[in-house]
Amino acid sequence: MTLLAVSDLRGGYGPVRVLHGIDLRVEAGEIVVVLGANGSGKTSTLRAISGMMRASGSVRIGDHEVLGRPPEVIARLRVAHVPQGRGTFPELTVEENLRIGAFSRRDKDVAADIDRWCTVFPRLRERRDQQAGSMSGGEQQMLAVSRALMMNPRLLLLDEPSLGLAPLVTQELFARLAELNAQTNIAMLIVEQNAKLALRIAARGYVLEAGEIVASGSSQELSSNDEIRKAYLGMA
């Protein structure tokens, strides 16, 4: 079942066009990665999908056309967006940040889910009463992911989750994302510059250049194509 279908997505900021007809899809329970250099349109693609940028074309979440709808409407379809730079509330504690992630929920399982994600990310359990702004970059990224998971999403949009993280922390984070996908079947669309690590956990990928998809295929196909490896993935 196709969970996310993007067709002929075009958009930009004012008179500047940055997306020039993006087509991509994410199946239910699938991890898909979007690769490309800085300025290729990766972040703009996620922003357009989640309703944070004006665009034309089509964005469908399941049976719902959502292009042009406000972010809160898209979020109610269980789409969670972890933006570049994490966006945690630094003056609030870990638990308070997690509760904000569940602000739209009316069920009685919020406390249980806080315990759940603090178990998945043990560092959050250790720092549950600590202000988010006093934690390391890796810990804040884990908090940002956990806060998004508090929405009970079926699709998680992640923008450069490895940005600014040490290599070992990045590996730990991606291992957790792979485990989450395997255990919960949450689909993920991950924008990332660390091509090697991203392709290791993804089923498929797209390569973006100057606002256009220039290559796509399974992770194995992209990883083994010498031309793509050298030109777009920065892999010798």
Protein backbone atom coordinates (compact mmCIF):
# COMPACT_ATOMS: atom_id res chain seq x y z
CA MET A 1 0.00 0.00 0.00
CA THR A 2 1.34 3.41 -1.00
CA LEU A 3 1.33 5.70 2.04
CA LEU A 4 2.91 8.79 0.45
CA ALA A 5 2.67 9.63 -3.25
CA VAL A 6 4.28 12.83 -4.53
CA SER A 7 3.73 13.81 -8.15
CA ASP A 8 5.08 16.74 -10.19
CA LEU A 9 5.90 18.69 -7.02
CA ARG A 10 7.02 22.22 -7.85
CA GLY A 11 7.65 25.11 -5.50
CA GLY A 12 10.01 27.66 -4.07
CA TYR A 13 10.38 30.81 -2.03
CA GLY A 14 8.97 33.95 -3.61
CA PRO A 15 10.19 34.18 -7.20
CA VAL A 16 12.90 31.55 -6.68
CA ARG A 17 11.87 28.06 -7.82
CA VAL A 18 13.70 25.24 -6.06
CA LEU A 19 11.59 22.17 -6.90
CA HIS A 20 11.05 21.26 -10.53
CA GLY A 21 8.69 18.31 -10.77
CA ILE A 22 9.51 15.87 -7.96
CA ASP A 23 7.99 12.37 -8.15
CA LEU A 24 8.47 9.95 -5.27
CA ARG A 25 6.58 7.45 -3.16
CA VAL A 26 6.82 5.72 0.20
CA GLU A 27 5.05 2.44 0.83
CA ALA A 28 3.53 1.63 4.22
CA GLY A 29 6.24 0.49 6.61
CA GLU A 30 9.06 1.39 4.21
CA ILE A 31 12.22 3.45 4.78
CA VAL A 32 13.08 5.69 1.83
CA VAL A 33 16.03 8.08 1.70
CA VAL A 34 16.50 11.27 -0.34
CA LEU A 35 20.14 12.07 -1.05
CA GLY A 36 21.83 15.10 -2.59
CA ALA A 37 24.21 17.95 -1.99
CA ASN A 38 23.40 21.13 -0.09
CA GLY A 39 20.98 23.26 -2.09
CA SER A 40 19.59 20.36 -4.08
CA GLY A 41 16.06 20.82 -2.70
CA LYS A 42 15.94 18.03 -0.10
CA THR A 43 14.68 20.16 2.80
CA SER A 44 12.24 21.99 0.55
CA THR A 45 10.76 18.66 -0.53
CA LEU A 46 9.99 17.72 3.06
CA ARG A 47 8.64 21.18 3.82
CA ALA A 48 6.28 20.99 0.85
CA ILE A 49 5.06 17.53 1.87
CA SER A 50 4.31 18.65 5.43
CA GLY A 51 2.52 21.85 4.35
CA MET A 52 5.25 24.30 5.34
CA MET A 53 5.93 25.63 1.84
CA ARG A 54 3.68 26.69 -1.01
CA ALA A 55 3.86 24.27 -3.91
CA SER A 56 1.95 22.85 -6.86
CA GLY A 57 1.47 19.31 -8.06
CA SER A 58 0.12 16.52 -5.86
CA VAL A 59 0.91 15.15 -2.41
CA ARG A 60 -1.27 12.26 -1.29
CA ILE A 61 -1.22 10.68 2.18
CA GLY A 62 -3.12 7.45 1.70
CA ASP A 63 -6.38 8.47 0.05
CA HIS A 64 -6.08 12.15 1.01
CA GLU A 65 -4.77 14.92 -1.23
CA VAL A 66 -2.98 17.26 1.19
CA LEU A 67 -1.12 19.74 -0.98
CA GLY A 68 -2.06 23.23 0.13
CA ARG A 69 -3.47 22.05 3.44
CA PRO A 70 -2.03 23.54 6.66
CA PRO A 71 0.56 21.54 8.64
CA GLU A 72 -1.87 20.75 11.47
CA VAL A 73 -4.26 19.05 9.05
CA ILE A 74 -1.45 16.93 7.63
CA ALA A 75 -0.25 16.09 11.15
CA ARG A 76 -3.73 14.77 11.97
CA LEU A 77 -3.19 12.19 9.22
CA ARG A 78 -0.37 10.90 11.45
CA VAL A 79 2.54 12.51 9.64
CA ALA A 80 5.33 13.76 11.93
CA HIS A 81 8.16 16.02 10.75
CA VAL A 82 11.54 16.22 12.53
CA PRO A 83 13.07 19.40 11.06
CA GLN A 84 16.71 20.13 10.45
CA GLY A 85 18.23 21.56 13.62
CA ARG A 86 16.03 19.40 15.88
CA GLY A 87 13.73 22.18 17.18
CA THR A 88 13.47 21.00 20.77
CA PHE A 89 12.41 23.42 23.51
CA PRO A 90 15.74 23.97 25.32
CA GLU A 91 14.27 25.47 28.50
CA LEU A 92 11.91 22.52 29.03
CA THR A 93 12.81 19.12 30.41
CA VAL A 94 12.95 15.93 28.35
CA GLU A 95 9.57 14.81 29.72
CA GLU A 96 7.98 18.20 29.05
CA ASN A 97 9.22 18.10 25.45
CA LEU A 98 7.73 14.64 25.02
CA ARG A 99 4.37 15.77 26.43
CA ILE A 100 4.30 18.62 23.91
CA GLY A 101 4.65 16.00 21.17
CA ALA A 102 1.40 14.44 22.40
CA PHE A 103 -0.52 17.72 22.69
CA SER A 104 -3.21 16.68 20.19
CA ARG A 105 -3.81 13.26 21.71
CA ARG A 106 -6.86 12.55 23.84
CA ASP A 107 -6.10 8.95 24.81
CA LYS A 108 -4.81 7.72 28.18
CA ASP A 109 -1.56 6.17 26.91
CA VAL A 110 0.63 9.29 26.88
CA ALA A 111 2.49 8.42 30.09
CA ALA A 112 3.04 4.86 28.89
CA ASP A 113 4.42 6.14 25.58
CA ILE A 114 6.82 8.49 27.38
CA ASP A 115 8.13 5.46 29.24
CA ARG A 116 8.28 3.51 25.98
CA TRP A 117 10.42 6.00 24.07
CA CYS A 118 12.64 6.59 27.07
CA THR A 119 13.29 2.86 26.97
CA VAL A 120 14.02 2.87 23.24
CA PHE A 121 16.42 5.80 23.79
CA PRO A 122 17.97 5.02 27.21
CA ARG A 123 19.83 8.34 27.37
CA LEU A 124 16.48 10.10 27.56
CA ARG A 125 15.47 7.97 30.52
CA GLU A 126 18.66 9.00 32.31
CA ARG A 127 17.96 12.69 31.57
CA ARG A 128 14.17 12.68 31.89
CA ASP A 129 14.12 15.65 34.29
CA GLN A 130 17.00 17.51 32.63
CA GLN A 131 16.55 20.61 30.48
CA ALA A 132 16.83 19.74 26.80
CA GLY A 133 19.20 22.62 26.10
CA SER A 134 21.82 21.19 28.47
CA MET A 135 22.07 17.89 26.58
CA SER A 136 24.46 16.94 23.79
CA GLY A 137 23.50 17.29 20.13
CA GLY A 138 22.99 13.55 19.78
CA GLU A 139 20.75 13.42 22.82
CA GLN A 140 18.69 16.34 21.54
CA GLN A 141 18.27 14.60 18.18
CA MET A 142 17.02 11.48 19.93
CA LEU A 143 14.61 13.69 21.89
CA ALA A 144 13.38 15.32 18.67
CA VAL A 145 12.68 11.91 17.14
CA SER A 146 10.96 10.69 20.32
CA ARG A 147 8.82 13.83 20.50
CA ALA A 148 7.66 13.17 16.92
CA LEU A 149 6.92 9.55 17.83
CA MET A 150 4.65 10.79 20.62
CA MET A 151 2.21 11.76 17.83
CA ASN A 152 1.78 8.04 17.00
CA PRO A 153 2.76 8.68 13.37
CA ARG A 154 2.48 6.24 10.51
CA LEU A 155 4.92 8.37 8.47
CA LEU A 156 8.01 10.05 9.92
CA LEU A 157 9.78 12.78 7.92
CA LEU A 158 13.40 13.28 9.06
CA ASP A 159 15.50 16.17 7.77
CA GLU A 160 19.28 15.59 8.07
CA PRO A 161 19.14 13.62 11.33
CA SER A 162 22.95 13.21 11.34
CA LEU A 163 23.68 16.93 11.02
CA GLY A 164 26.30 18.02 13.53
CA LEU A 165 26.57 14.62 15.20
CA ALA A 166 29.73 12.65 15.88
CA PRO A 167 30.12 9.51 13.71
CA LEU A 168 29.49 7.07 16.56
CA VAL A 169 26.38 8.97 17.67
CA THR A 170 25.13 9.02 14.08
CA GLN A 171 25.56 5.25 13.82
CA GLU A 172 23.65 4.74 17.07
CA LEU A 173 20.81 7.00 15.90
CA PHE A 174 20.45 5.21 12.56
CA ALA A 175 20.53 1.84 14.30
CA ARG A 176 17.64 3.00 16.50
CA LEU A 177 15.68 4.21 13.46
CA ALA A 178 16.12 0.83 11.77
CA GLU A 179 14.96 -0.95 14.94
CA LEU A 180 11.94 1.34 15.23
CA ASN A 181 10.92 0.61 11.66
CA ALA A 182 11.28 -3.14 12.17
CA GLN A 183 9.36 -3.15 15.45
CA THR A 184 6.60 -0.61 14.77
CA ASN A 185 6.27 -0.57 10.95
CA ILE A 186 6.42 3.25 10.94
CA ALA A 187 7.34 4.43 7.44
CA MET A 188 10.17 6.94 7.15
CA LEU A 189 11.27 9.43 4.52
CA ILE A 190 14.79 10.50 5.45
CA VAL A 191 16.68 13.40 3.90
CA GLU A 192 20.37 12.78 4.49
CA GLN A 193 23.88 13.59 3.27
CA ASN A 194 25.49 10.54 4.88
CA ALA A 195 24.69 8.35 1.89
CA LYS A 196 26.45 5.19 3.00
CA LEU A 197 24.72 5.01 6.38
CA ALA A 198 21.31 6.07 5.06
CA LEU A 199 21.30 3.49 2.27
CA ARG A 200 22.23 0.81 4.78
CA ILE A 201 18.84 1.11 6.54
CA ALA A 202 16.64 2.21 3.60
CA ALA A 203 14.82 -0.01 1.13
CA ARG A 204 14.97 2.54 -1.67
CA GLY A 205 16.41 5.93 -2.44
CA TYR A 206 16.18 8.99 -4.63
CA VAL A 207 19.03 11.30 -5.64
CA LEU A 208 18.12 14.97 -5.94
CA GLU A 209 20.06 17.59 -7.90
CA ALA A 210 18.97 21.19 -8.50
CA GLY A 211 15.37 20.38 -7.56
CA GLU A 212 15.02 17.34 -9.80
CA ILE A 213 15.23 13.59 -9.25
CA VAL A 214 18.26 12.41 -11.24
CA ALA A 215 18.41 8.81 -10.02
CA SER A 216 16.30 6.35 -8.06
CA GLY A 217 16.27 2.68 -7.22
CA SER A 218 16.78 0.18 -4.47
CA SER A 219 19.49 0.91 -1.94
CA GLN A 220 21.56 -1.90 -3.40
CA GLU A 221 21.21 -0.51 -6.93
CA LEU A 222 22.26 2.99 -5.87
CA SER A 223 25.14 1.73 -3.74
CA SER A 224 26.54 -0.50 -6.48
CA ASN A 225 26.26 1.97 -9.38
CA ASP A 226 29.77 3.41 -9.82
CA GLU A 227 28.60 6.51 -11.69
CA ILE A 228 26.03 7.38 -9.04
CA ARG A 229 28.45 6.60 -6.22
CA LYS A 230 31.07 8.98 -7.56
CA ALA A 231 28.82 11.77 -8.88
CA TYR A 232 26.13 12.00 -6.23
CA LEU A 233 26.88 9.90 -3.18
CA GLY A 234 30.46 10.92 -2.48
CA MET A 235 31.47 7.27 -2.27
CA ALA A 236 34.66 6.03 -3.90
